[in-house]
């Protein structure tokens, strides 16, 4: 196996283990999973997960409408605000976690629509399926898989959403190529994610806590535009959210992550 492939597998293994532990230990604190370290005091309850999400742009109605336990407070924005979902559409959620955004999308597309959630962490898939059954969502399904190799057929999806997940991938060009493949012509990408504001120092990029916490793996706006263009997307818009500085600063107090990254809305269209 090539060196780069080994490095990519290492990243995926570490990310999978950390987010698997989030499921086992009952929550997180924002996008960063550091609060789930052994011995940590803070845990995300449904109440403070809702508060975190409302601070990222979700409405009170949205945080209240999902099944209990679906919102783990792991996002960095609200892709629903830019997705403009319509009744009857098929939606794909990349890195669907416990199902929070997938369930909101299911409500938006209605019974004639369909939502597919893909996540590489078995514990997240199990939790999402449990939440689905308890919530009675018949138009949602969750599939175990990697976003670099989506278990989804070509040209079958109207909209792709994702919330603070693609930054975790060690092979982002493959993610965007796969997104392009599964979208129908005219299909759109509506993503909330973390972007780099400045070159991230190497010592921070090598910090696994910052990587799994959505900081060290961030790409610049220019690099993301290049990746999306190379994948075939047009009408690319990346809007940085400067008001995310305080929230990101709270993920790793004292580490100055807010000086290097910000939340952003990422939109693109498959011609």
C-alpha atoms as a PDB file:
ATOM      1  CA  UNK A   1       0.000   0.000   0.000  1.00  0.00           C
ATOM      2  CA  UNK A   2       1.323   3.476  -0.864  1.00  0.00           C
ATOM      3  CA  UNK A   3       2.532   5.815   1.882  1.00  0.00           C
ATOM      4  CA  UNK A   4      -0.259   8.337   1.226  1.00  0.00           C
ATOM      5  CA  UNK A   5      -2.894   5.617   1.423  1.00  0.00           C
ATOM      6  CA  UNK A   6      -1.451   4.471   4.748  1.00  0.00           C
ATOM      7  CA  UNK A   7      -1.556   8.042   6.049  1.00  0.00           C
ATOM      8  CA  UNK A   8      -5.157   8.435   4.893  1.00  0.00           C
ATOM      9  CA  UNK A   9      -6.148   5.195   6.605  1.00  0.00           C
ATOM     10  CA  UNK A  10      -4.491   6.369   9.818  1.00  0.00           C
ATOM     11  CA  UNK A  11      -6.473   9.618   9.753  1.00  0.00           C
ATOM     12  CA  UNK A  12      -9.740   7.777   9.133  1.00  0.00           C
ATOM     13  CA  UNK A  13      -9.056   5.300  11.928  1.00  0.00           C
ATOM     14  CA  UNK A  14      -8.364   8.050  14.449  1.00  0.00           C
ATOM     15  CA  UNK A  15     -11.427  10.066  13.398  1.00  0.00           C
ATOM     16  CA  UNK A  16     -13.624   6.953  13.515  1.00  0.00           C
ATOM     17  CA  UNK A  17     -12.374   6.057  16.989  1.00  0.00           C
ATOM     18  CA  UNK A  18     -12.890   9.544  18.394  1.00  0.00           C
ATOM     19  CA  UNK A  19     -16.421   9.930  17.028  1.00  0.00           C
ATOM     20  CA  UNK A  20     -17.265   6.393  18.044  1.00  0.00           C
ATOM     21  CA  UNK A  21     -16.340   7.382  21.579  1.00  0.00           C
ATOM     22  CA  UNK A  22     -18.676  10.357  21.357  1.00  0.00           C
ATOM     23  CA  UNK A  23     -21.560   7.947  20.816  1.00  0.00           C
ATOM     24  CA  UNK A  24     -20.451   5.673  23.645  1.00  0.00           C
ATOM     25  CA  UNK A  25     -19.885   8.438  26.177  1.00  0.00           C
ATOM     26  CA  UNK A  26     -22.947  10.485  25.422  1.00  0.00           C
ATOM     27  CA  UNK A  27     -22.078  13.655  23.567  1.00  0.00           C
ATOM     28  CA  UNK A  28     -19.598  16.353  22.745  1.00  0.00           C
ATOM     29  CA  UNK A  29     -19.049  20.063  23.121  1.00  0.00           C
ATOM     30  CA  UNK A  30     -19.525  21.715  19.776  1.00  0.00           C
ATOM     31  CA  UNK A  31     -17.639  20.361  16.807  1.00  0.00           C
ATOM     32  CA  UNK A  32     -14.620  19.479  18.922  1.00  0.00           C
ATOM     33  CA  UNK A  33     -14.918  16.075  20.619  1.00  0.00           C
ATOM     34  CA  UNK A  34     -12.425  16.945  23.351  1.00  0.00           C
ATOM     35  CA  UNK A  35     -15.104  17.051  26.026  1.00  0.00           C
ATOM     36  CA  UNK A  36     -15.542  13.323  25.583  1.00  0.00           C
ATOM     37  CA  UNK A  37     -12.038  12.482  26.713  1.00  0.00           C
ATOM     38  CA  UNK A  38     -11.897  10.094  29.680  1.00  0.00           C
ATOM     39  CA  UNK A  39     -12.442  12.004  32.888  1.00  0.00           C
ATOM     40  CA  UNK A  40     -13.929  15.045  31.197  1.00  0.00           C
ATOM     41  CA  UNK A  41     -16.702  16.705  33.186  1.00  0.00           C
ATOM     42  CA  UNK A  42     -18.712  18.355  30.422  1.00  0.00           C
ATOM     43  CA  UNK A  43     -21.154  16.264  28.405  1.00  0.00           C
ATOM     44  CA  UNK A  44     -23.606  17.382  25.762  1.00  0.00           C
ATOM     45  CA  UNK A  45     -27.198  16.980  26.877  1.00  0.00           C
ATOM     46  CA  UNK A  46     -30.163  17.594  24.594  1.00  0.00           C
ATOM     47  CA  UNK A  47     -30.562  21.004  26.213  1.00  0.00           C
ATOM     48  CA  UNK A  48     -27.044  22.302  25.669  1.00  0.00           C
ATOM     49  CA  UNK A  49     -26.784  20.628  22.259  1.00  0.00           C
ATOM     50  CA  UNK A  50     -29.824  22.694  21.293  1.00  0.00           C
ATOM     51  CA  UNK A  51     -28.155  25.836  22.655  1.00  0.00           C
ATOM     52  CA  UNK A  52     -24.974  25.071  20.676  1.00  0.00           C
ATOM     53  CA  UNK A  53     -26.991  24.498  17.491  1.00  0.00           C
ATOM     54  CA  UNK A  54     -29.064  27.642  17.943  1.00  0.00           C
ATOM     55  CA  UNK A  55     -25.812  29.570  18.263  1.00  0.00           C
ATOM     56  CA  UNK A  56     -24.841  28.137  14.866  1.00  0.00           C
ATOM     57  CA  UNK A  57     -28.015  29.228  13.104  1.00  0.00           C
ATOM     58  CA  UNK A  58     -30.654  26.580  13.817  1.00  0.00           C
ATOM     59  CA  UNK A  59     -34.074  27.746  14.938  1.00  0.00           C
ATOM     60  CA  UNK A  60     -35.720  26.715  18.175  1.00  0.00           C
ATOM     61  CA  UNK A  61     -38.255  24.758  16.129  1.00  0.00           C
ATOM     62  CA  UNK A  62     -35.505  22.858  14.293  1.00  0.00           C
ATOM     63  CA  UNK A  63     -33.657  21.853  17.456  1.00  0.00           C
ATOM     64  CA  UNK A  64     -36.921  20.761  19.044  1.00  0.00           C
ATOM     65  CA  UNK A  65     -38.266  18.759  16.100  1.00  0.00           C
ATOM     66  CA  UNK A  66     -35.542  16.099  15.800  1.00  0.00           C
ATOM     67  CA  UNK A  67     -35.729  12.885  17.870  1.00  0.00           C
ATOM     68  CA  UNK A  68     -34.135  12.966  21.306  1.00  0.00           C
ATOM     69  CA  UNK A  69     -30.445  12.134  21.049  1.00  0.00           C
ATOM     70  CA  UNK A  70     -30.153  12.990  17.340  1.00  0.00           C
ATOM     71  CA  UNK A  71     -28.453  16.329  17.962  1.00  0.00           C
ATOM     72  CA  UNK A  72     -24.977  15.782  19.391  1.00  0.00           C
ATOM     73  CA  UNK A  73     -23.926  19.425  19.044  1.00  0.00           C
ATOM     74  CA  UNK A  74     -21.215  18.521  16.521  1.00  0.00           C
ATOM     75  CA  UNK A  75     -21.859  21.074  13.774  1.00  0.00           C
ATOM     76  CA  UNK A  76     -20.265  24.361  12.779  1.00  0.00           C
ATOM     77  CA  UNK A  77     -23.236  25.860  10.939  1.00  0.00           C
ATOM     78  CA  UNK A  78     -26.659  25.031   9.520  1.00  0.00           C
ATOM     79  CA  UNK A  79     -26.652  23.649   5.957  1.00  0.00           C
ATOM     80  CA  UNK A  80     -30.455  23.736   5.982  1.00  0.00           C
ATOM     81  CA  UNK A  81     -30.345  27.526   5.591  1.00  0.00           C
ATOM     82  CA  UNK A  82     -28.644  27.319   2.189  1.00  0.00           C
ATOM     83  CA  UNK A  83     -30.024  24.010   0.906  1.00  0.00           C
ATOM     84  CA  UNK A  84     -33.461  25.428  -0.033  1.00  0.00           C
ATOM     85  CA  UNK A  85     -34.932  21.934   0.061  1.00  0.00           C
ATOM     86  CA  UNK A  86     -38.124  21.250  -1.866  1.00  0.00           C
ATOM     87  CA  UNK A  87     -40.846  18.668  -1.487  1.00  0.00           C
ATOM     88  CA  UNK A  88     -40.034  15.416  -3.252  1.00  0.00           C
ATOM     89  CA  UNK A  89     -36.264  15.910  -3.479  1.00  0.00           C
ATOM     90  CA  UNK A  90     -33.650  13.279  -2.693  1.00  0.00           C
ATOM     91  CA  UNK A  91     -31.073  14.524  -0.192  1.00  0.00           C
ATOM     92  CA  UNK A  92     -27.717  13.011   0.771  1.00  0.00           C
ATOM     93  CA  UNK A  93     -26.133  13.918   4.117  1.00  0.00           C
ATOM     94  CA  UNK A  94     -22.357  13.380   4.189  1.00  0.00           C
ATOM     95  CA  UNK A  95     -21.231  12.362   7.661  1.00  0.00           C
ATOM     96  CA  UNK A  96     -24.758  12.118   9.012  1.00  0.00           C
ATOM     97  CA  UNK A  97     -23.802  11.256  12.604  1.00  0.00           C
ATOM     98  CA  UNK A  98     -26.809  10.555  14.804  1.00  0.00           C
ATOM     99  CA  UNK A  99     -29.144  11.914  12.123  1.00  0.00           C
ATOM    100  CA  UNK A 100     -29.938  15.482  13.206  1.00  0.00           C
ATOM    101  CA  UNK A 101     -29.612  17.181   9.790  1.00  0.00           C
ATOM    102  CA  UNK A 102     -31.017  14.153   7.980  1.00  0.00           C
ATOM    103  CA  UNK A 103     -34.209  14.314  10.059  1.00  0.00           C
ATOM    104  CA  UNK A 104     -34.588  18.045   9.455  1.00  0.00           C
ATOM    105  CA  UNK A 105     -34.113  17.435   5.728  1.00  0.00           C
ATOM    106  CA  UNK A 106     -36.702  14.653   5.815  1.00  0.00           C
ATOM    107  CA  UNK A 107     -39.229  17.059   7.241  1.00  0.00           C
ATOM    108  CA  UNK A 108     -38.432  19.576   4.479  1.00  0.00           C
ATOM    109  CA  UNK A 109     -38.723  17.162   1.535  1.00  0.00           C
ATOM    110  CA  UNK A 110     -41.855  15.497   2.896  1.00  0.00           C
ATOM    111  CA  UNK A 111     -43.155  11.951   2.405  1.00  0.00           C
ATOM    112  CA  UNK A 112     -42.587  12.114  -1.360  1.00  0.00           C
ATOM    113  CA  UNK A 113     -38.913  12.928  -0.787  1.00  0.00           C
ATOM    114  CA  UNK A 114     -36.053  10.809   0.457  1.00  0.00           C
ATOM    115  CA  UNK A 115     -32.981  11.324   2.635  1.00  0.00           C
ATOM    116  CA  UNK A 116     -29.850   9.158   2.715  1.00  0.00           C
ATOM    117  CA  UNK A 117     -27.337   9.572   5.516  1.00  0.00           C
ATOM    118  CA  UNK A 118     -23.818   8.185   5.111  1.00  0.00           C
ATOM    119  CA  UNK A 119     -21.358   7.849   7.990  1.00  0.00           C
ATOM    120  CA  UNK A 120     -18.203   5.761   8.446  1.00  0.00           C
ATOM    121  CA  UNK A 121     -18.654   5.224  12.197  1.00  0.00           C
ATOM    122  CA  UNK A 122     -20.724   2.104  12.998  1.00  0.00           C
ATOM    123  CA  UNK A 123     -21.842   3.512  16.355  1.00  0.00           C
ATOM    124  CA  UNK A 124     -23.227   6.629  14.685  1.00  0.00           C
ATOM    125  CA  UNK A 125     -25.153   4.549  12.145  1.00  0.00           C
ATOM    126  CA  UNK A 126     -26.646   2.423  14.927  1.00  0.00           C
ATOM    127  CA  UNK A 127     -27.653   5.499  16.906  1.00  0.00           C
ATOM    128  CA  UNK A 128     -29.141   7.182  13.838  1.00  0.00           C
ATOM    129  CA  UNK A 129     -31.192   4.094  12.958  1.00  0.00           C
ATOM    130  CA  UNK A 130     -32.453   3.896  16.533  1.00  0.00           C
ATOM    131  CA  UNK A 131     -33.440   7.570  16.393  1.00  0.00           C
ATOM    132  CA  UNK A 132     -35.131   6.968  13.049  1.00  0.00           C
ATOM    133  CA  UNK A 133     -37.234   4.133  14.433  1.00  0.00           C
ATOM    134  CA  UNK A 134     -38.194   6.088  17.537  1.00  0.00           C
ATOM    135  CA  UNK A 135     -39.046   9.167  15.476  1.00  0.00           C
ATOM    136  CA  UNK A 136     -41.079   7.235  12.905  1.00  0.00           C
ATOM    137  CA  UNK A 137     -39.179   8.613   9.897  1.00  0.00           C
ATOM    138  CA  UNK A 138     -40.068   6.443   6.916  1.00  0.00           C
ATOM    139  CA  UNK A 139     -38.327   8.538   4.256  1.00  0.00           C
ATOM    140  CA  UNK A 140     -34.807   8.324   5.775  1.00  0.00           C
ATOM    141  CA  UNK A 141     -32.164   5.610   5.565  1.00  0.00           C
ATOM    142  CA  UNK A 142     -28.634   5.441   6.946  1.00  0.00           C
ATOM    143  CA  UNK A 143     -25.768   3.673   5.192  1.00  0.00           C
ATOM    144  CA  UNK A 144     -22.357   2.772   6.575  1.00  0.00           C
ATOM    145  CA  UNK A 145     -19.659   4.049   4.253  1.00  0.00           C
ATOM    146  CA  UNK A 146     -16.931   6.569   3.566  1.00  0.00           C
ATOM    147  CA  UNK A 147     -17.606   9.903   1.911  1.00  0.00           C
ATOM    148  CA  UNK A 148     -14.593   9.322  -0.355  1.00  0.00           C
ATOM    149  CA  UNK A 149     -16.348   6.194  -1.703  1.00  0.00           C
ATOM    150  CA  UNK A 150     -20.048   6.814  -1.387  1.00  0.00           C
ATOM    151  CA  UNK A 151     -22.427   3.822  -1.299  1.00  0.00           C
ATOM    152  CA  UNK A 152     -24.805   5.735  -3.591  1.00  0.00           C
ATOM    153  CA  UNK A 153     -25.618   5.251  -7.281  1.00  0.00           C
ATOM    154  CA  UNK A 154     -24.663   7.715 -10.014  1.00  0.00           C
ATOM    155  CA  UNK A 155     -26.912  10.714 -10.702  1.00  0.00           C
ATOM    156  CA  UNK A 156     -29.557   9.895  -8.080  1.00  0.00           C
ATOM    157  CA  UNK A 157     -29.359  12.829  -5.645  1.00  0.00           C
ATOM    158  CA  UNK A 158     -30.832  16.342  -5.888  1.00  0.00           C
ATOM    159  CA  UNK A 159     -29.034  17.971  -2.964  1.00  0.00           C
ATOM    160  CA  UNK A 160     -25.985  17.119  -0.867  1.00  0.00           C
ATOM    161  CA  UNK A 161     -25.735  18.571   2.624  1.00  0.00           C
ATOM    162  CA  UNK A 162     -22.973  18.187   5.189  1.00  0.00           C
ATOM    163  CA  UNK A 163     -22.125  19.803   8.504  1.00  0.00           C
ATOM    164  CA  UNK A 164     -18.492  20.125   9.578  1.00  0.00           C
ATOM    165  CA  UNK A 165     -17.393  16.773   8.150  1.00  0.00           C
ATOM    166  CA  UNK A 166     -15.452  17.266   4.906  1.00  0.00           C
ATOM    167  CA  UNK A 167     -12.649  19.060   6.761  1.00  0.00           C
ATOM    168  CA  UNK A 168     -12.027  15.728   8.518  1.00  0.00           C
ATOM    169  CA  UNK A 169     -11.353  13.888   5.266  1.00  0.00           C
ATOM    170  CA  UNK A 170      -7.699  13.290   4.326  1.00  0.00           C
ATOM    171  CA  UNK A 171      -8.734  13.102   0.648  1.00  0.00           C
ATOM    172  CA  UNK A 172     -11.045  16.017  -0.053  1.00  0.00           C
ATOM    173  CA  UNK A 173     -10.706  15.908  -3.875  1.00  0.00           C
ATOM    174  CA  UNK A 174     -12.191  12.392  -3.804  1.00  0.00           C
ATOM    175  CA  UNK A 175     -15.080  13.629  -1.640  1.00  0.00           C
ATOM    176  CA  UNK A 176     -15.977  16.301  -4.192  1.00  0.00           C
ATOM    177  CA  UNK A 177     -15.573  13.931  -7.138  1.00  0.00           C
ATOM    178  CA  UNK A 178     -17.914  11.471  -5.447  1.00  0.00           C
ATOM    179  CA  UNK A 179     -20.381  14.250  -4.665  1.00  0.00           C
ATOM    180  CA  UNK A 180     -20.357  15.248  -8.325  1.00  0.00           C
ATOM    181  CA  UNK A 181     -20.872  11.630  -9.410  1.00  0.00           C
ATOM    182  CA  UNK A 182     -23.981  10.989  -7.314  1.00  0.00           C
ATOM    183  CA  UNK A 183     -25.675  14.331  -8.015  1.00  0.00           C
ATOM    184  CA  UNK A 184     -28.161  14.665 -10.841  1.00  0.00           C
ATOM    185  CA  UNK A 185     -27.552  17.305 -13.506  1.00  0.00           C
ATOM    186  CA  UNK A 186     -28.546  20.586 -11.881  1.00  0.00           C
ATOM    187  CA  UNK A 187     -28.027  19.064  -8.429  1.00  0.00           C
ATOM    188  CA  UNK A 188     -26.520  21.241  -5.755  1.00  0.00           C
ATOM    189  CA  UNK A 189     -24.071  21.144  -2.893  1.00  0.00           C
ATOM    190  CA  UNK A 190     -25.021  22.936   0.366  1.00  0.00           C
ATOM    191  CA  UNK A 191     -22.366  22.517   3.034  1.00  0.00           C
ATOM    192  CA  UNK A 192     -21.427  24.093   6.350  1.00  0.00           C
ATOM    193  CA  UNK A 193     -17.772  23.510   7.108  1.00  0.00           C
ATOM    194  CA  UNK A 194     -14.544  24.923   8.464  1.00  0.00           C
ATOM    195  CA  UNK A 195     -12.137  26.835   6.208  1.00  0.00           C
ATOM    196  CA  UNK A 196      -8.584  27.976   6.861  1.00  0.00           C
ATOM    197  CA  UNK A 197      -8.064  31.730   7.173  1.00  0.00           C
ATOM    198  CA  UNK A 198      -4.278  31.497   7.101  1.00  0.00           C
ATOM    199  CA  UNK A 199      -1.662  28.755   6.772  1.00  0.00           C
ATOM    200  CA  UNK A 200      -2.092  26.482   9.785  1.00  0.00           C
ATOM    201  CA  UNK A 201       1.239  25.953  11.568  1.00  0.00           C
ATOM    202  CA  UNK A 202       2.654  22.468  11.106  1.00  0.00           C
ATOM    203  CA  UNK A 203       2.639  21.757  14.844  1.00  0.00           C
ATOM    204  CA  UNK A 204      -1.122  22.381  14.869  1.00  0.00           C
ATOM    205  CA  UNK A 205      -1.703  20.282  11.747  1.00  0.00           C
ATOM    206  CA  UNK A 206       0.060  17.382  13.459  1.00  0.00           C
ATOM    207  CA  UNK A 207      -2.127  17.671  16.572  1.00  0.00           C
ATOM    208  CA  UNK A 208      -4.742  14.883  16.417  1.00  0.00           C
ATOM    209  CA  UNK A 209      -6.936  16.642  18.974  1.00  0.00           C
ATOM    210  CA  UNK A 210      -7.170  19.661  16.659  1.00  0.00           C
ATOM    211  CA  UNK A 211      -7.629  17.442  13.603  1.00  0.00           C
ATOM    212  CA  UNK A 212     -10.553  15.482  15.014  1.00  0.00           C
ATOM    213  CA  UNK A 213     -11.863  18.782  16.410  1.00  0.00           C
ATOM    214  CA  UNK A 214     -12.392  20.190  12.889  1.00  0.00           C
ATOM    215  CA  UNK A 215      -9.440  22.609  12.916  1.00  0.00           C
ATOM    216  CA  UNK A 216      -6.173  21.103  11.660  1.00  0.00           C
ATOM    217  CA  UNK A 217      -7.655  19.512   8.531  1.00  0.00           C
ATOM    218  CA  UNK A 218      -9.253  22.686   7.175  1.00  0.00           C
ATOM    219  CA  UNK A 219      -8.455  23.840   3.629  1.00  0.00           C
ATOM    220  CA  UNK A 220      -8.276  27.414   2.389  1.00  0.00           C
ATOM    221  CA  UNK A 221     -11.118  28.971   0.408  1.00  0.00           C
ATOM    222  CA  UNK A 222      -8.880  29.057  -2.679  1.00  0.00           C
ATOM    223  CA  UNK A 223      -7.986  25.369  -2.377  1.00  0.00           C
ATOM    224  CA  UNK A 224     -11.621  24.392  -1.883  1.00  0.00           C
ATOM    225  CA  UNK A 225     -12.640  26.347  -4.980  1.00  0.00           C
ATOM    226  CA  UNK A 226      -9.912  24.607  -6.968  1.00  0.00           C
ATOM    227  CA  UNK A 227     -11.033  21.173  -5.744  1.00  0.00           C
ATOM    228  CA  UNK A 228     -14.666  21.889  -6.565  1.00  0.00           C
ATOM    229  CA  UNK A 229     -13.767  23.226 -10.009  1.00  0.00           C
ATOM    230  CA  UNK A 230     -11.587  20.196 -10.756  1.00  0.00           C
ATOM    231  CA  UNK A 231     -14.478  17.925  -9.741  1.00  0.00           C
ATOM    232  CA  UNK A 232     -16.688  19.669 -12.325  1.00  0.00           C
ATOM    233  CA  UNK A 233     -18.798  22.006 -10.181  1.00  0.00           C
ATOM    234  CA  UNK A 234     -19.899  25.479 -11.254  1.00  0.00           C
ATOM    235  CA  UNK A 235     -21.545  28.440  -9.497  1.00  0.00           C
ATOM    236  CA  UNK A 236     -19.196  27.966  -6.561  1.00  0.00           C
ATOM    237  CA  UNK A 237     -19.811  30.257  -3.582  1.00  0.00           C
ATOM    238  CA  UNK A 238     -17.903  30.089  -0.304  1.00  0.00           C
ATOM    239  CA  UNK A 239     -19.121  32.592   2.270  1.00  0.00           C
ATOM    240  CA  UNK A 240     -17.048  32.854   5.421  1.00  0.00           C
ATOM    241  CA  UNK A 241     -18.953  33.430   8.664  1.00  0.00           C
ATOM    242  CA  UNK A 242     -16.885  35.867  10.703  1.00  0.00           C
ATOM    243  CA  UNK A 243     -19.298  35.597  13.631  1.00  0.00           C
ATOM    244  CA  UNK A 244     -18.052  32.033  14.200  1.00  0.00           C
ATOM    245  CA  UNK A 245     -14.847  33.280  15.839  1.00  0.00           C
ATOM    246  CA  UNK A 246     -16.189  33.179  19.396  1.00  0.00           C
ATOM    247  CA  UNK A 247     -17.700  29.714  18.974  1.00  0.00           C
ATOM    248  CA  UNK A 248     -14.489  28.248  17.533  1.00  0.00           C
ATOM    249  CA  UNK A 249     -12.457  29.899  20.285  1.00  0.00           C
ATOM    250  CA  UNK A 250     -14.546  27.966  22.793  1.00  0.00           C
ATOM    251  CA  UNK A 251     -13.648  24.598  21.250  1.00  0.00           C
ATOM    252  CA  UNK A 252     -10.013  24.772  22.339  1.00  0.00           C
ATOM    253  CA  UNK A 253      -9.591  27.594  24.863  1.00  0.00           C
ATOM    254  CA  UNK A 254      -6.146  29.135  24.741  1.00  0.00           C
ATOM    255  CA  UNK A 255      -5.109  27.370  21.520  1.00  0.00           C
ATOM    256  CA  UNK A 256      -6.064  30.337  19.275  1.00  0.00           C
ATOM    257  CA  UNK A 257      -7.817  28.106  16.741  1.00  0.00           C
ATOM    258  CA  UNK A 258     -10.073  31.069  15.914  1.00  0.00           C
ATOM    259  CA  UNK A 259      -7.045  32.870  14.430  1.00  0.00           C
ATOM    260  CA  UNK A 260      -6.618  30.184  11.787  1.00  0.00           C
ATOM    261  CA  UNK A 261     -10.088  28.870  10.879  1.00  0.00           C
ATOM    262  CA  UNK A 262     -13.697  30.004  10.505  1.00  0.00           C
ATOM    263  CA  UNK A 263     -17.043  28.456   9.684  1.00  0.00           C
ATOM    264  CA  UNK A 264     -18.288  28.924   6.118  1.00  0.00           C
ATOM    265  CA  UNK A 265     -21.207  28.138   3.836  1.00  0.00           C
ATOM    266  CA  UNK A 266     -20.115  26.278   0.705  1.00  0.00           C
ATOM    267  CA  UNK A 267     -22.404  26.081  -2.331  1.00  0.00           C
ATOM    268  CA  UNK A 268     -21.916  24.656  -5.812  1.00  0.00           C
ATOM    269  CA  UNK A 269     -23.934  23.190  -8.701  1.00  0.00           C
ATOM    270  CA  UNK A 270     -23.423  20.228 -11.022  1.00  0.00           C
ATOM    271  CA  UNK A 271     -24.112  21.539 -14.551  1.00  0.00           C
END
